[in-house]
Amino acid sequence: HALDARIPLDGLGDHVVSEAIYLTDPDGHGIEIYADRDRATWDGRVAELMGTFAVDAPDLLAAREAPFEGLPAGTTIGHVHLRARDIPATVRFHRDVLGWDLVMGFGPQAAFLSAGGYHHHIGANTWQSAGQRAGQPGEARLLFATIVLPDAAARDAVLERVRADGG
């Protein structure tokens, strides 16, 4: 659809755990459209396997379905990438307060965190945001994301940690 609509692509990436197409929305937010590979091929080995490699573009184009009539039923947002100013603080909140696992980190530059062994639900990096001010009212920015928990007990445990953290 992006090609048919002549939407400029920012890049393609084979991350071993998934294949991705990158583009930018009109407000300048990056969008990653991706499809996971079979979890059995990467489960428990994300830090060992995950990287960015060339995508087999001819194979990707051959798999496209035309005409595009919207995203398939059941499509979900698998992860959100944050342009962070402070990776240690981001890790502390998502790991120590929300209770997620740090799957992979690149020192003070990037971190990938998840729950339930997924490759990442949150990606955060400073590659475009180091030293930047926080978004201001009236500017396009991510204000919230919904985190789905398995049950009320898990929700209550997270709420207790958030309250203990001063939230």
Protein backbone atom coordinates (compact mmCIF):
# COMPACT_ATOMS: atom_id res chain seq x y z
CA HIS A 1 0.00 0.00 0.00
CA ALA A 2 2.82 2.41 0.89
CA LEU A 3 4.40 1.85 -2.51
CA ASP A 4 1.11 2.18 -4.37
CA ALA A 5 0.34 5.42 -2.48
CA ARG A 6 3.90 6.66 -3.09
CA ILE A 7 4.53 7.07 0.63
CA PRO A 8 8.28 7.51 1.07
CA LEU A 9 9.93 4.67 2.98
CA ASP A 10 12.64 5.43 5.51
CA GLY A 11 14.06 1.93 5.33
CA LEU A 12 13.60 -1.80 5.64
CA GLY A 13 15.00 -4.08 8.32
CA ASP A 14 15.26 -7.80 8.85
CA HIS A 15 15.59 -8.08 12.63
CA VAL A 16 15.62 -11.90 12.69
CA VAL A 17 12.65 -11.82 15.10
CA SER A 18 10.65 -9.84 12.52
CA GLU A 19 10.79 -8.05 9.19
CA ALA A 20 10.00 -4.34 9.14
CA ILE A 21 9.21 -1.40 6.87
CA TYR A 22 9.86 2.09 8.24
CA LEU A 23 8.09 5.30 7.30
CA THR A 24 7.31 8.66 8.90
CA ASP A 25 3.82 10.03 9.52
CA PRO A 26 2.90 13.62 8.64
CA ASP A 27 3.74 14.77 12.19
CA GLY A 28 7.26 13.34 11.99
CA HIS A 29 6.62 10.24 14.12
CA GLY A 30 8.34 7.10 12.94
CA ILE A 31 6.15 4.12 12.11
CA GLU A 32 7.41 0.56 11.92
CA ILE A 33 5.12 -1.88 10.14
CA TYR A 34 6.37 -5.35 10.89
CA ALA A 35 5.52 -9.01 10.88
CA ASP A 36 6.91 -11.32 13.53
CA ARG A 37 8.67 -14.48 12.54
CA ASP A 38 7.60 -17.73 14.18
CA ARG A 39 8.42 -17.32 17.86
CA ALA A 40 9.96 -20.79 17.99
CA THR A 41 12.84 -19.49 15.83
CA TRP A 42 13.90 -16.80 18.32
CA ASP A 43 12.26 -17.49 21.70
CA GLY A 44 14.77 -17.14 24.53
CA ARG A 45 17.53 -15.94 22.17
CA VAL A 46 16.52 -12.36 21.36
CA ALA A 47 19.71 -10.71 22.66
CA GLU A 48 21.78 -13.25 20.74
CA LEU A 49 19.91 -12.99 17.43
CA MET A 50 18.27 -9.59 17.10
CA GLY A 51 19.97 -7.09 14.84
CA THR A 52 19.29 -5.18 11.65
CA PHE A 53 20.04 -6.90 8.37
CA ALA A 54 19.04 -6.42 4.74
CA VAL A 55 15.48 -7.39 3.82
CA ASP A 56 14.85 -9.64 0.84
CA ALA A 57 12.85 -6.91 -0.95
CA PRO A 58 11.84 -9.03 -3.99
CA ASP A 59 10.43 -11.69 -1.63
CA LEU A 60 8.61 -9.02 0.37
CA LEU A 61 7.07 -7.53 -2.77
CA ALA A 62 6.01 -10.97 -4.01
CA ALA A 63 4.11 -11.55 -0.74
CA ARG A 64 2.05 -8.37 -0.96
CA GLU A 65 -1.65 -8.63 -1.45
CA ALA A 66 -3.48 -6.20 -3.68
CA PRO A 67 -5.62 -4.24 -3.44
CA PHE A 68 -5.03 -2.97 0.10
CA GLU A 69 -8.33 -2.81 1.96
CA GLY A 70 -7.05 -2.01 5.43
CA LEU A 71 -5.23 -3.95 8.07
CA PRO A 72 -6.35 -7.53 8.65
CA ALA A 73 -8.74 -8.24 11.52
CA GLY A 74 -6.80 -8.93 14.70
CA THR A 75 -3.90 -6.64 13.79
CA THR A 76 -2.38 -5.22 16.98
CA ILE A 77 0.34 -2.80 17.94
CA GLY A 78 3.11 -5.14 19.03
CA HIS A 79 5.50 -2.53 20.36
CA VAL A 80 6.11 1.17 20.71
CA HIS A 81 9.44 2.89 20.24
CA LEU A 82 10.17 5.91 22.38
CA ARG A 83 12.59 8.72 21.68
CA ALA A 84 13.97 8.92 25.19
CA ARG A 85 16.21 11.48 26.83
CA ASP A 86 17.50 9.13 29.54
CA ILE A 87 17.81 5.37 28.93
CA PRO A 88 18.72 4.39 32.52
CA ALA A 89 15.59 6.20 33.80
CA THR A 90 13.48 4.57 31.08
CA VAL A 91 14.82 1.13 32.00
CA ARG A 92 14.32 1.78 35.72
CA PHE A 93 10.65 2.65 35.19
CA HIS A 94 9.76 -0.15 32.78
CA ARG A 95 11.83 -2.85 34.51
CA ASP A 96 11.65 -1.89 38.18
CA VAL A 97 8.20 -0.27 38.34
CA LEU A 98 6.21 -1.97 35.58
CA GLY A 99 8.05 -5.27 36.08
CA TRP A 100 9.15 -5.88 32.49
CA ASP A 101 12.32 -7.66 31.44
CA LEU A 102 15.26 -5.84 29.92
CA VAL A 103 15.71 -8.00 26.82
CA MET A 104 18.55 -6.10 25.24
CA GLY A 105 20.41 -2.88 25.90
CA PHE A 106 22.98 -0.69 24.20
CA GLY A 107 24.39 1.20 27.19
CA PRO A 108 23.02 4.73 27.53
CA GLN A 109 21.75 4.74 23.91
CA ALA A 110 18.95 2.16 23.67
CA ALA A 111 16.98 -0.50 25.49
CA PHE A 112 14.38 -3.10 24.53
CA LEU A 113 11.97 -4.28 27.23
CA SER A 114 9.13 -6.78 27.26
CA ALA A 115 6.80 -8.95 29.27
CA GLY A 116 6.17 -12.64 28.74
CA GLY A 117 9.35 -13.29 26.76
CA TYR A 118 8.38 -11.19 23.72
CA HIS A 119 11.26 -9.62 21.78
CA HIS A 120 10.16 -6.14 22.88
CA HIS A 121 7.04 -4.22 23.78
CA ILE A 122 8.98 -1.01 24.37
CA GLY A 123 11.99 0.10 22.41
CA ALA A 124 13.63 3.29 23.62
CA ASN A 125 16.61 5.11 22.18
CA THR A 126 18.36 8.46 22.32
CA TRP A 127 19.49 8.44 18.67
CA GLN A 128 17.25 11.40 17.76
CA SER A 129 16.43 12.74 21.20
CA ALA A 130 19.58 13.03 23.32
CA GLY A 131 19.55 16.43 24.98
CA GLN A 132 16.16 17.39 23.52
CA ARG A 133 13.42 19.03 25.54
CA ALA A 134 10.19 17.18 26.26
CA GLY A 135 7.29 17.65 23.84
CA GLN A 136 5.12 20.67 24.57
CA PRO A 137 1.33 21.10 24.54
CA GLY A 138 0.16 21.70 20.97
CA GLU A 139 2.99 19.62 19.49
CA ALA A 140 2.40 16.16 18.09
CA ARG A 141 3.57 13.67 20.71
CA LEU A 142 2.73 10.33 22.25
CA LEU A 143 0.62 11.03 25.31
CA PHE A 144 -0.33 7.50 26.33
CA ALA A 145 -0.30 3.86 25.34
CA THR A 146 -2.47 1.11 26.76
CA ILE A 147 -0.76 -1.85 28.38
CA VAL A 148 -2.91 -4.97 28.49
CA LEU A 149 -2.26 -7.15 31.53
CA PRO A 150 -3.35 -10.76 31.92
CA ASP A 151 -5.62 -10.24 34.93
CA ALA A 152 -6.64 -8.01 37.83
CA ALA A 153 -3.92 -9.41 40.11
CA ALA A 154 -1.21 -8.38 37.63
CA ARG A 155 -2.82 -4.94 37.32
CA ASP A 156 -2.94 -4.51 41.09
CA ALA A 157 0.73 -5.51 41.44
CA VAL A 158 1.76 -2.90 38.85
CA LEU A 159 -0.40 -0.22 40.50
CA GLU A 160 1.21 -0.96 43.86
CA ARG A 161 4.71 -0.55 42.38
CA VAL A 162 3.69 2.69 40.65
CA ARG A 163 2.31 4.08 43.91
CA ALA A 164 5.46 3.02 45.79
CA ASP A 165 7.50 4.84 43.13
CA GLY A 166 5.57 8.04 43.80
CA GLY A 167 3.24 7.79 40.77
